[in-house]
Protein backbone atom coordinates (compact mmCIF):
# COMPACT_ATOMS: atom_id res chain seq x y z
CA MET A 1 146.88 -113.91 162.47
CA SER A 2 144.99 -116.54 164.29
CA ARG A 3 144.43 -116.56 167.94
CA TYR A 4 146.23 -120.00 168.10
CA ASP A 5 149.41 -118.14 166.29
CA ALA A 6 149.09 -115.03 168.98
CA ASP A 7 148.89 -117.58 171.83
CA VAL A 8 152.05 -119.40 170.37
CA LYS A 9 153.85 -116.38 169.87
CA ARG A 10 153.11 -114.55 173.17
CA ASP A 11 154.36 -117.98 175.09
CA ARG A 12 157.51 -117.77 173.11
CA ASN A 13 158.25 -114.46 173.93
CA ALA A 14 157.52 -115.11 177.67
CA ALA A 15 159.69 -118.12 177.65
CA THR A 16 162.68 -116.39 176.24
CA THR A 17 162.62 -113.31 178.03
CA THR A 18 161.45 -114.27 181.27
CA PRO A 19 164.68 -114.13 183.69
CA LEU A 20 166.00 -117.45 185.57
CA SER A 21 165.10 -115.87 188.80
CA ARG A 22 161.58 -115.81 188.29
CA LEU A 23 160.95 -119.04 186.54
CA PRO A 24 159.06 -121.42 189.15
CA CYS A 25 161.29 -123.62 191.13
CA ILE A 26 160.47 -127.24 192.19
CA ALA A 27 162.87 -128.88 194.66
CA ASN A 28 162.27 -132.31 196.13
CA GLY A 29 158.67 -132.03 194.97
CA ARG A 30 157.92 -128.73 196.66
CA SER A 31 157.43 -125.30 195.11
CA CYS A 32 159.98 -122.87 196.09
CA ALA A 33 158.90 -119.94 198.02
CA ALA A 34 157.45 -117.20 195.83
CA GLY A 35 158.67 -118.99 192.87
CA GLY A 36 162.07 -118.02 193.61
CA ARG A 37 165.06 -120.27 194.67
CA ASP A 38 165.54 -121.04 197.99
CA GLU A 39 168.46 -121.80 200.02
CA SER A 40 167.98 -125.50 200.66
CA SER A 41 167.23 -125.96 196.63
CA VAL A 42 170.56 -124.38 195.59
CA SER A 43 172.53 -126.28 198.28
CA GLU A 44 170.94 -129.63 197.15
CA MET A 45 171.64 -128.68 193.62
CA THR A 46 175.65 -127.91 194.28
CA ALA A 47 175.76 -131.01 196.39
CA LEU A 48 174.24 -132.99 193.50
CA ALA A 49 176.99 -131.34 190.95
CA ALA A 50 179.68 -132.12 193.05
CA LYS A 51 178.41 -135.79 193.07
CA LEU A 52 179.01 -136.03 189.23
CA PRO A 53 181.85 -137.77 187.91
CA ASP A 54 183.63 -135.52 185.30
CA ALA A 55 182.69 -131.73 185.08
CA GLU A 56 183.91 -131.90 181.41
CA PRO A 57 181.40 -132.66 178.64
CA ALA A 58 180.72 -136.13 178.06
CA TYR A 59 183.36 -137.39 175.35
CA ARG A 60 182.31 -138.36 171.92
CA PRO A 61 184.93 -140.41 169.78
CA SER A 62 185.60 -137.94 166.21
CA ASP A 63 187.22 -138.47 162.80
CA ASP A 64 189.82 -135.89 163.97
CA GLU A 65 191.62 -137.90 166.19
CA PRO A 66 194.02 -141.07 165.53
CA PHE A 67 191.25 -144.26 164.78
CA MET A 68 190.78 -146.59 167.75
CA ASN A 69 193.23 -144.71 170.22
CA ASP A 70 193.67 -145.42 173.92
CA ARG A 71 190.45 -142.81 174.66
CA GLN A 72 188.30 -144.23 172.07
CA LEU A 73 188.90 -147.83 173.08
CA ALA A 74 188.20 -146.64 176.68
CA TYR A 75 184.62 -145.13 175.63
CA PHE A 76 183.46 -148.41 173.71
CA ARG A 77 184.61 -150.55 176.65
CA GLY A 78 182.63 -148.30 178.77
CA LYS A 79 179.77 -148.12 176.57
CA LEU A 80 179.71 -152.07 176.19
CA LEU A 81 179.60 -152.67 179.91
CA ALA A 82 177.19 -150.55 180.51
CA TRP A 83 175.15 -151.99 178.42
CA LYS A 84 175.68 -155.56 179.44
CA ASP A 85 175.17 -154.35 182.98
CA ASP A 86 171.85 -152.70 181.91
CA ILE A 87 170.71 -156.32 180.28
CA LEU A 88 172.03 -158.23 183.57
CA LYS A 89 169.97 -156.00 185.75
CA GLU A 90 166.94 -156.09 183.72
CA SER A 91 167.26 -159.83 183.45
CA LYS A 92 167.31 -160.13 187.26
CA GLY A 93 164.21 -158.18 187.47
CA THR A 94 162.36 -160.74 185.03
CA VAL A 95 163.59 -163.64 187.04
CA VAL A 96 162.05 -162.27 190.01
CA ASN A 97 158.76 -161.22 188.09
CA LEU A 98 158.54 -164.37 186.52
CA LYS A 99 158.86 -166.16 190.29
CA ALA A 100 156.27 -163.71 191.40
CA GLU A 101 153.91 -164.64 188.55
CA THR A 102 153.20 -168.11 189.66
CA GLU A 103 149.77 -167.64 190.15
CA ASN A 104 146.97 -169.91 188.47
CA HIS A 105 144.34 -167.93 187.04
CA PRO A 106 140.86 -169.21 186.67
CA ASP A 107 139.73 -167.17 184.03
CA LEU A 108 141.11 -168.76 180.53
CA VAL A 109 141.35 -165.12 179.23
CA ASP A 110 143.67 -164.10 181.83
CA ARG A 111 145.67 -166.84 181.77
CA ALA A 112 146.22 -166.96 178.25
CA SER A 113 147.29 -163.20 178.21
CA SER A 114 149.60 -164.11 181.36
CA GLU A 115 151.22 -166.93 179.45
CA SER A 116 151.89 -164.48 176.15
CA ASP A 117 153.30 -161.99 178.39
CA ARG A 118 155.63 -164.64 179.88
CA ALA A 119 156.34 -166.33 176.43
CA LEU A 120 157.13 -162.43 175.04
CA GLU A 121 159.79 -161.81 178.33
CA LEU A 122 161.06 -165.24 177.58
CA ARG A 123 161.78 -164.15 174.09
CA THR A 124 163.22 -160.88 175.08
CA ARG A 125 165.76 -162.29 177.53
CA ASP A 126 166.83 -165.02 175.19
CA ARG A 127 167.90 -162.31 172.21
CA GLN A 128 169.23 -160.39 175.22
CA ARG A 129 171.37 -163.35 176.10
CA LYS A 130 172.51 -163.28 172.33
CA LEU A 131 173.19 -159.81 172.63
CA ILE A 132 175.51 -160.34 175.73
CA SER A 133 177.52 -162.95 174.06
CA LYS A 134 177.86 -160.44 171.29
CA ILE A 135 179.11 -157.84 173.59
CA ASP A 136 181.69 -160.18 175.12
CA GLU A 137 182.79 -160.82 171.76
CA ALA A 138 183.69 -157.28 171.13
CA LEU A 139 185.20 -156.69 174.56
CA ARG A 140 187.40 -159.54 173.59
CA ARG A 141 188.02 -157.75 170.19
CA ILE A 142 188.72 -154.56 172.12
CA GLU A 143 191.46 -156.34 174.45
CA ASP A 144 193.16 -158.04 171.22
CA GLY A 145 193.35 -154.88 169.50
CA SER A 146 190.94 -155.94 166.55
CA TYR A 147 187.83 -153.74 167.84
CA GLY A 148 186.60 -151.35 165.16
CA TYR A 149 188.02 -152.95 162.01
CA CYS A 150 185.82 -154.92 159.57
CA GLU A 151 185.99 -158.80 159.64
CA GLU A 152 185.71 -159.13 156.06
CA THR A 153 188.10 -156.26 154.70
CA GLY A 154 190.18 -155.20 157.62
CA GLU A 155 189.16 -151.55 156.79
CA PRO A 156 188.20 -149.26 160.01
CA ILE A 157 184.52 -149.35 160.68
CA SER A 158 182.94 -145.63 160.77
CA LEU A 159 182.60 -144.36 164.31
CA GLY A 160 179.02 -143.56 163.39
CA ARG A 161 178.31 -147.18 163.12
CA LEU A 162 180.30 -148.12 165.85
CA GLU A 163 178.23 -145.57 167.85
CA ALA A 164 174.93 -147.00 166.78
CA ARG A 165 176.15 -150.34 166.98
CA PRO A 166 179.14 -150.94 168.85
CA THR A 167 178.73 -154.80 168.62
CA ALA A 168 179.47 -154.43 164.79
CA THR A 169 181.84 -156.40 162.98
CA LEU A 170 181.47 -155.32 159.54
CA SER A 171 181.66 -151.86 157.85
CA VAL A 172 178.34 -150.93 156.31
CA GLU A 173 179.58 -152.00 152.65
CA ALA A 174 180.68 -155.32 153.99
CA GLN A 175 177.25 -155.47 155.56
CA GLU A 176 175.04 -154.53 152.88
CA ARG A 177 176.86 -157.19 150.64
CA HIS A 178 176.40 -159.58 153.19
CA GLU A 179 172.58 -158.93 153.43
CA ARG A 180 172.35 -159.05 149.76
CA ARG A 181 174.00 -162.53 149.32
CA GLU A 182 171.65 -163.54 152.26
CA ARG A 183 168.57 -162.55 150.17
CA VAL A 184 169.75 -164.15 147.03
CA HIS A 185 170.48 -167.65 148.86
CA ARG A 186 166.97 -167.33 150.63
CA ASP A 187 165.13 -166.34 147.43
CA ASP A 188 166.60 -169.74 146.02
């Protein structure tokens, strides 16, 4: 056994056999006394845990329950609204940054770099603006009861696909057919 392998094995054994009370504690950027837990860190953790919205584990839609039941619809509505909120917060930051970045660079390379960064940021925001309209469309489909069903076939879109892409309007099979048709027409 090499020295490296022996070190890795020793570290693994130490990590699995060290009691929790002997692990180092860091609370608010400071080390706890003697590597143990101090009363203030325990009370801080308890206070933080009390502020958590739900003590139950996060809900994940499953195939074992009826498709697009109220709980699943609420889950996807929340996911879409949180995504939209994140995008809007980022776009506000972009506006602030673009206003602050109005200085004129005397060096041509600095100016070109700044303009390139600005163009990339604006392109990203334009893509996110289009994404917001897709999110709004998905929220409308949740309200009218058509969310989760393929627009082309009317069959349910798999939960895995909706989890990965909550704005999906086509099932995987319908999307593949659509992409094949696009590829054929693009090659013409």
